[in-house]
Amino acid sequence: MPVTSREAPQTGKLIKATRNVFLVDINHRIVSCSIRGKLAGASGDKNFSLKVGDDVKARLISEEEGVIEEVLPRRSQLSRAVEGKAYREHLIATNIDQILIIMSARRPAFKSGLLDRYLVIAQKNRLNAVICINKIDLADPEEFEEYASWYPRLGYPLFFTSALRREGIDKIKSILQNKVSVLVGHSGVGKSLLLQRIEPGLDLKISSISDKTRKGRHTTTHVQLFPLSFGGYIIDTPGVRELGLWDIYRDELKDYFVEFQTFGEDCQFNNCRHIKEPGCAVKAAVGEGKIFAERYQNYKNIFNDLRAASYEMIRRR
């Protein structure tokens, strides 16, 4: 039966966005859509643009084509600072349930500092985070026992996988089922191959490691959302060499390290930043082994990389 423009618009999810074409999943059917001119101003934001993960209402004009007429309210989003440019926001994806952080045991080497940056972003965006250490076939799992002990205690489940050997895939699938998940991770950690193991049939380019730089080559060039056959969606993101922390400032960084909350109440100063202040209960907890020392060092490194917000600079003069 042919589709007529009189039919009511249907709700779908934006799975891919290019300059002029938007692919929308409507009842498990992929429809190529355009947008109405008035859509850009619908939210009152002159810089508004559609993002992968957006829930939209589209009116079908044929079996394979439609027009997006409305963007439904976003319940969550993931942003980072634009790389190599002035400090401004890059909205990556919307309506996310959780972040699946892909690290690698080797090639490239595991870096807890990068992991903690991702976790800060998850906390900032109020998203659940799951840690996956891939390429465990290249290392001894005992090397990661300390991480496997500390991070789950903080509420971050941690799993080991080998996409190459197909190990740990079922556990990851159970985590992703019926949720909208975004994959993040440095280039070369094996995101694309892991995705293919999770959802066979996906046509993804597999990266290799540069022998010269020992860093991964970029294979994903744009954000894309993939429907999962076992329920849910997964969003693949381009690998990033430098992770920009958007809208996060020094005074609030401590709020995104969940283990600081309990001990911070006993600090001598209410506005203690847990760096150089005397009577700091967080630093005392680190010394007593109650806070993971390596993670606290990562906190200090991130703190030093962040800029102070204008209100902080005024207050501390």
Protein backbone atom coordinates (compact mmCIF):
# COMPACT_ATOMS: atom_id res chain seq x y z
CA MET A 1 0.00 0.00 0.00
CA PRO A 2 1.55 3.36 -1.01
CA VAL A 3 2.43 5.90 1.65
CA THR A 4 0.62 9.24 1.56
CA SER A 5 1.71 12.53 3.14
CA ARG A 6 -1.59 12.60 5.05
CA GLU A 7 -0.49 9.78 7.33
CA ALA A 8 0.43 10.77 10.88
CA PRO A 9 4.16 11.23 11.62
CA GLN A 10 5.86 8.25 13.23
CA THR A 11 8.43 8.19 16.03
CA GLY A 12 11.89 6.93 15.18
CA LYS A 13 15.52 7.18 16.24
CA LEU A 14 18.20 8.97 14.25
CA ILE A 15 20.99 6.48 13.55
CA LYS A 16 23.17 8.47 11.13
CA ALA A 17 23.45 12.12 10.20
CA THR A 18 25.31 13.60 7.25
CA ARG A 19 25.07 17.08 5.84
CA ASN A 20 21.81 16.55 3.96
CA VAL A 21 20.64 13.01 4.69
CA PHE A 22 19.40 11.59 7.97
CA LEU A 23 18.79 7.87 8.46
CA VAL A 24 16.00 7.12 10.92
CA ASP A 25 15.05 3.74 12.38
CA ILE A 26 11.25 3.58 12.38
CA ASN A 27 9.88 0.28 13.67
CA HIS A 28 13.06 -1.56 12.59
CA ARG A 29 12.93 -0.05 9.10
CA ILE A 30 15.63 2.39 7.98
CA VAL A 31 14.18 5.49 6.31
CA SER A 32 16.20 8.20 4.57
CA CYS A 33 14.88 11.57 5.72
CA SER A 34 15.29 15.24 5.03
CA ILE A 35 14.29 18.01 7.42
CA ARG A 36 11.87 20.87 7.29
CA GLY A 37 13.40 24.34 7.26
CA LYS A 38 11.65 25.33 10.47
CA LEU A 39 13.16 22.42 12.39
CA ALA A 40 16.44 24.23 13.06
CA GLY A 41 14.65 26.88 15.09
CA ALA A 42 12.23 24.59 16.86
CA SER A 43 14.23 24.53 20.10
CA GLY A 44 14.95 28.24 20.09
CA ASP A 45 18.65 27.48 19.71
CA LYS A 46 20.10 29.08 16.58
CA ASN A 47 22.94 26.55 16.61
CA PHE A 48 20.65 23.55 17.04
CA SER A 49 21.46 20.52 14.92
CA LEU A 50 20.27 16.94 14.81
CA LYS A 51 22.50 14.42 16.53
CA VAL A 52 22.76 10.65 16.43
CA GLY A 53 20.47 9.21 19.10
CA ASP A 54 17.81 11.88 18.74
CA ASP A 55 14.23 10.64 18.93
CA VAL A 56 12.28 12.29 16.11
CA LYS A 57 8.87 12.36 14.50
CA ALA A 58 9.00 11.81 10.76
CA ARG A 59 6.25 11.81 8.14
CA LEU A 60 6.74 9.13 5.49
CA ILE A 61 6.47 10.23 1.87
CA SER A 62 7.32 6.79 0.46
CA GLU A 63 8.34 3.36 1.75
CA GLU A 64 11.97 4.49 2.00
CA GLU A 65 11.80 8.27 2.38
CA GLY A 66 10.47 10.68 4.95
CA VAL A 67 10.62 14.18 6.37
CA ILE A 68 11.63 14.89 9.97
CA GLU A 69 9.15 17.33 11.46
CA GLU A 70 9.96 17.30 15.16
CA VAL A 71 12.78 16.44 17.57
CA LEU A 72 11.61 15.05 20.89
CA PRO A 73 13.19 16.27 24.16
CA ARG A 74 16.63 14.84 24.87
CA ARG A 75 16.93 12.89 28.13
CA SER A 76 20.74 12.75 28.10
CA GLN A 77 23.71 13.70 25.98
CA LEU A 78 27.45 13.22 25.64
CA SER A 79 29.71 16.18 24.89
CA ARG A 80 33.40 16.91 24.69
CA ALA A 81 35.52 19.94 23.88
CA VAL A 82 36.48 20.40 20.25
CA GLU A 83 40.02 19.19 19.58
CA GLY A 84 42.63 21.71 18.50
CA LYS A 85 40.19 24.62 18.43
CA ALA A 86 38.87 27.28 20.74
CA TYR A 87 37.22 25.91 23.87
CA ARG A 88 33.71 25.04 22.70
CA GLU A 89 31.29 22.17 22.91
CA HIS A 90 31.06 19.26 20.50
CA LEU A 91 27.84 17.35 21.14
CA ILE A 92 28.58 13.73 20.21
CA ALA A 93 25.30 11.87 20.75
CA THR A 94 22.04 12.02 22.66
CA ASN A 95 19.58 9.85 24.62
CA ILE A 96 22.26 7.52 25.95
CA ASP A 97 21.81 5.03 28.79
CA GLN A 98 25.44 4.13 29.37
CA ILE A 99 29.02 4.55 28.21
CA LEU A 100 31.05 1.46 27.37
CA ILE A 101 34.69 2.48 27.75
CA ILE A 102 36.99 0.33 25.64
CA MET A 103 40.61 0.21 26.78
CA SER A 104 43.30 -2.15 25.53
CA ALA A 105 45.74 -4.21 27.52
CA ARG A 106 48.39 -3.72 24.82
CA ARG A 107 48.85 -1.99 21.46
CA PRO A 108 48.08 0.73 22.52
CA ALA A 109 49.10 0.37 26.16
CA PHE A 110 46.54 0.62 28.94
CA LYS A 111 46.48 4.11 30.51
CA SER A 112 44.44 4.59 33.66
CA GLY A 113 44.66 8.35 33.24
CA LEU A 114 42.69 8.14 30.00
CA LEU A 115 40.20 5.79 31.64
CA ASP A 116 39.59 8.26 34.46
CA ARG A 117 39.05 11.08 31.96
CA TYR A 118 36.31 9.02 30.33
CA LEU A 119 34.81 8.33 33.76
CA VAL A 120 34.80 12.04 34.56
CA ILE A 121 32.87 12.64 31.34
CA ALA A 122 30.40 9.90 32.28
CA GLN A 123 29.86 11.41 35.73
CA LYS A 124 29.51 14.90 34.28
CA ASN A 125 26.83 13.70 31.88
CA ARG A 126 25.18 11.52 34.57
CA LEU A 127 25.66 8.36 32.55
CA ASN A 128 26.40 4.88 33.84
CA ALA A 129 29.84 3.64 32.82
CA VAL A 130 31.13 0.14 32.10
CA ILE A 131 34.83 -0.61 31.58
CA CYS A 132 36.03 -3.15 29.02
CA ILE A 133 39.72 -4.02 28.80
CA ASN A 134 40.16 -5.56 25.36
CA LYS A 135 43.12 -7.43 23.84
CA ILE A 136 43.65 -9.32 27.07
CA ASP A 137 45.18 -12.07 24.93
CA LEU A 138 48.25 -9.83 24.66
CA ALA A 139 48.80 -9.53 28.43
CA ASP A 140 48.59 -11.38 31.71
CA PRO A 141 45.23 -10.61 33.37
CA GLU A 142 47.02 -10.54 36.74
CA GLU A 143 48.59 -7.23 35.68
CA PHE A 144 45.13 -5.67 35.95
CA GLU A 145 44.01 -7.20 39.23
CA GLU A 146 44.30 -3.90 41.08
CA TYR A 147 42.05 -2.13 38.58
CA ALA A 148 39.60 -5.05 38.61
CA SER A 149 39.44 -4.68 42.39
CA TRP A 150 39.10 -0.91 42.72
CA TYR A 151 36.80 0.20 39.90
CA PRO A 152 33.86 -2.17 40.52
CA ARG A 153 33.87 -0.99 44.14
CA LEU A 154 33.23 2.51 42.81
CA GLY A 155 30.24 1.32 40.79
CA TYR A 156 32.04 0.80 37.48
CA PRO A 157 31.75 -2.82 36.29
CA LEU A 158 34.97 -4.02 34.63
CA PHE A 159 35.26 -6.83 32.11
CA PHE A 160 38.07 -8.41 30.10
CA THR A 161 37.63 -9.30 26.44
CA SER A 162 39.61 -10.54 23.50
CA ALA A 163 37.79 -9.65 20.32
CA LEU A 164 40.41 -11.60 18.40
CA ARG A 165 39.72 -14.80 20.34
CA ARG A 166 36.02 -14.03 20.86
CA GLU A 167 36.43 -14.12 24.65
CA GLY A 168 34.07 -12.23 26.97
CA ILE A 169 31.68 -11.28 24.15
CA ASP A 170 28.56 -12.78 25.76
CA LYS A 171 29.12 -10.73 28.92
CA ILE A 172 29.34 -7.52 26.92
CA LYS A 173 26.21 -8.42 24.96
CA SER A 174 24.26 -8.90 28.20
CA ILE A 175 25.33 -5.41 29.32
CA LEU A 176 24.25 -3.83 26.03
CA GLN A 177 20.91 -5.60 25.67
CA ASN A 178 17.89 -3.28 25.45
CA LYS A 179 19.96 -0.16 26.18
CA VAL A 180 21.36 2.72 24.16
CA SER A 181 25.10 2.50 24.70
CA VAL A 182 27.92 4.63 23.36
CA LEU A 183 31.35 3.12 22.73
CA VAL A 184 34.30 5.35 23.52
CA GLY A 185 37.98 4.59 23.34
CA HIS A 186 41.27 5.59 21.81
CA SER A 187 41.98 4.61 18.23
CA GLY A 188 43.35 1.10 17.90
CA VAL A 189 41.84 -0.41 21.06
CA GLY A 190 39.71 -2.75 18.96
CA LYS A 191 36.30 -1.08 19.04
CA SER A 192 35.38 -1.99 15.47
CA LEU A 193 36.35 -5.65 15.75
CA LEU A 194 34.60 -5.87 19.12
CA LEU A 195 31.47 -4.44 17.50
CA GLN A 196 31.62 -7.06 14.79
CA ARG A 197 31.89 -9.81 17.39
CA ILE A 198 28.92 -8.36 19.25
CA GLU A 199 26.83 -7.91 16.11
CA PRO A 200 28.12 -10.07 13.22
CA GLY A 201 27.39 -8.64 9.80
CA LEU A 202 28.26 -5.04 10.57
CA ASP A 203 30.42 -3.64 7.79
CA LEU A 204 33.07 -1.82 9.80
CA LYS A 205 36.66 -1.03 8.88
CA ILE A 206 39.20 -2.60 11.21
CA SER A 207 42.13 -0.45 12.28
CA SER A 208 45.75 -1.38 12.71
CA ILE A 209 48.46 0.07 14.90
CA SER A 210 50.99 2.38 13.33
CA ASP A 211 54.47 0.89 13.76
CA LYS A 212 55.91 4.38 13.82
CA THR A 213 53.66 6.07 16.37
CA ARG A 214 52.37 2.96 18.21
CA LYS A 215 48.95 4.61 18.06
CA GLY A 216 45.81 3.43 16.36
CA ARG A 217 44.79 4.67 12.95
CA HIS A 218 41.38 6.29 12.74
CA THR A 219 38.75 4.09 11.08
CA THR A 220 35.44 5.54 12.28
CA THR A 221 35.09 9.00 10.78
CA HIS A 222 31.63 9.87 12.00
CA VAL A 223 29.27 8.98 14.82
CA GLN A 224 26.82 6.22 13.94
CA LEU A 225 24.17 4.28 15.82
CA PHE A 226 23.65 0.58 15.10
CA PRO A 227 20.49 -1.35 16.04
CA LEU A 228 21.34 -4.57 17.89
CA SER A 229 19.59 -7.78 16.86
CA PHE A 230 19.24 -8.80 20.52
CA GLY A 231 17.70 -5.46 21.54
CA GLY A 232 19.04 -1.96 22.02
CA TYR A 233 21.38 0.30 20.10
CA ILE A 234 25.07 0.93 20.14
CA ILE A 235 26.75 4.19 19.11
CA ASP A 236 30.23 4.02 17.67
CA THR A 237 32.32 7.17 17.94
CA PRO A 238 35.49 8.24 16.13
CA GLY A 239 38.61 7.46 18.15
CA VAL A 240 40.21 10.55 19.66
CA ARG A 241 43.86 11.13 20.37
CA GLU A 242 43.22 13.96 22.82
CA LEU A 243 40.14 13.91 24.99
CA GLY A 244 38.70 17.37 25.60
CA LEU A 245 36.74 17.80 28.81
CA TRP A 246 33.79 20.07 28.08
CA ASP A 247 32.27 22.38 30.73
CA ILE A 248 34.34 20.88 33.55
CA TYR A 249 36.33 23.19 35.80
CA ARG A 250 38.81 22.75 38.61
CA ASP A 251 36.48 23.52 41.50
CA GLU A 252 33.94 20.89 40.42
CA LEU A 253 36.31 18.11 39.32
CA LYS A 254 36.24 16.53 42.78
CA ASP A 255 32.49 15.99 42.38
CA TYR A 256 33.14 13.54 39.55
CA PHE A 257 35.40 11.27 41.60
CA VAL A 258 32.75 9.33 43.47
CA GLU A 259 35.04 7.98 46.21
CA PHE A 260 35.91 11.53 47.31
CA GLN A 261 32.37 12.24 48.48
CA THR A 262 32.45 10.26 51.73
CA PHE A 263 35.90 11.40 52.85
CA GLY A 264 35.50 14.98 51.62
CA GLU A 265 32.93 15.69 54.32
CA ASP A 266 35.70 15.47 56.92
CA CYS A 267 38.08 17.93 55.23
CA GLN A 268 39.12 20.98 57.24
CA PHE A 269 37.79 23.35 54.57
CA ASN A 270 34.35 23.10 52.96
CA ASN A 271 35.74 24.08 49.57
CA CYS A 272 38.76 21.76 49.76
CA ARG A 273 39.98 20.76 46.31
CA HIS A 274 42.12 17.92 47.71
CA ILE A 275 45.33 19.22 46.19
CA LYS A 276 47.45 21.31 48.61
CA GLU A 277 44.98 22.20 51.35
CA PRO A 278 45.86 21.27 54.95
CA GLY A 279 43.57 18.94 56.86
CA CYS A 280 42.43 17.18 53.69
CA ALA A 281 40.64 13.93 54.54
CA VAL A 282 40.85 12.73 50.94
CA LYS A 283 44.64 12.92 50.91
CA ALA A 284 44.67 11.15 54.27
CA ALA A 285 42.48 8.38 52.83
CA VAL A 286 44.92 7.97 49.95
CA GLY A 287 47.77 7.57 52.42
CA GLU A 288 45.78 4.97 54.35
CA GLY A 289 45.04 2.94 51.21
CA LYS A 290 41.31 3.73 51.31
CA ILE A 291 41.47 5.55 47.97
CA PHE A 292 43.32 4.11 44.97
CA ALA A 293 46.57 6.12 44.86
CA GLU A 294 46.94 5.86 41.09
CA ARG A 295 43.46 7.21 40.54
CA TYR A 296 44.15 10.10 42.93
CA GLN A 297 47.28 10.93 40.90
CA ASN A 298 45.12 10.91 37.77
CA TYR A 299 42.79 13.35 39.53
CA LYS A 300 45.69 15.73 40.15
CA ASN A 301 46.85 15.42 36.55
CA ILE A 302 43.38 16.22 35.22
CA PHE A 303 43.07 19.09 37.70
CA ASN A 304 46.30 20.62 36.42
CA ASP A 305 45.09 20.30 32.82
CA LEU A 306 41.78 22.04 33.47
CA ARG A 307 41.24 25.74 33.29
CA ALA A 308 39.66 27.69 36.12
CA ALA A 309 36.21 29.07 35.48
CA SER A 310 35.88 32.85 35.62
CA TYR A 311 33.89 32.67 38.86
CA GLU A 312 36.69 30.62 40.45
CA MET A 313 39.32 33.15 39.47
CA ILE A 314 37.30 36.01 40.96
CA ARG A 315 36.57 34.12 44.17
CA ARG A 316 40.20 33.14 44.75
CA ARG A 317 41.81 36.54 44.14
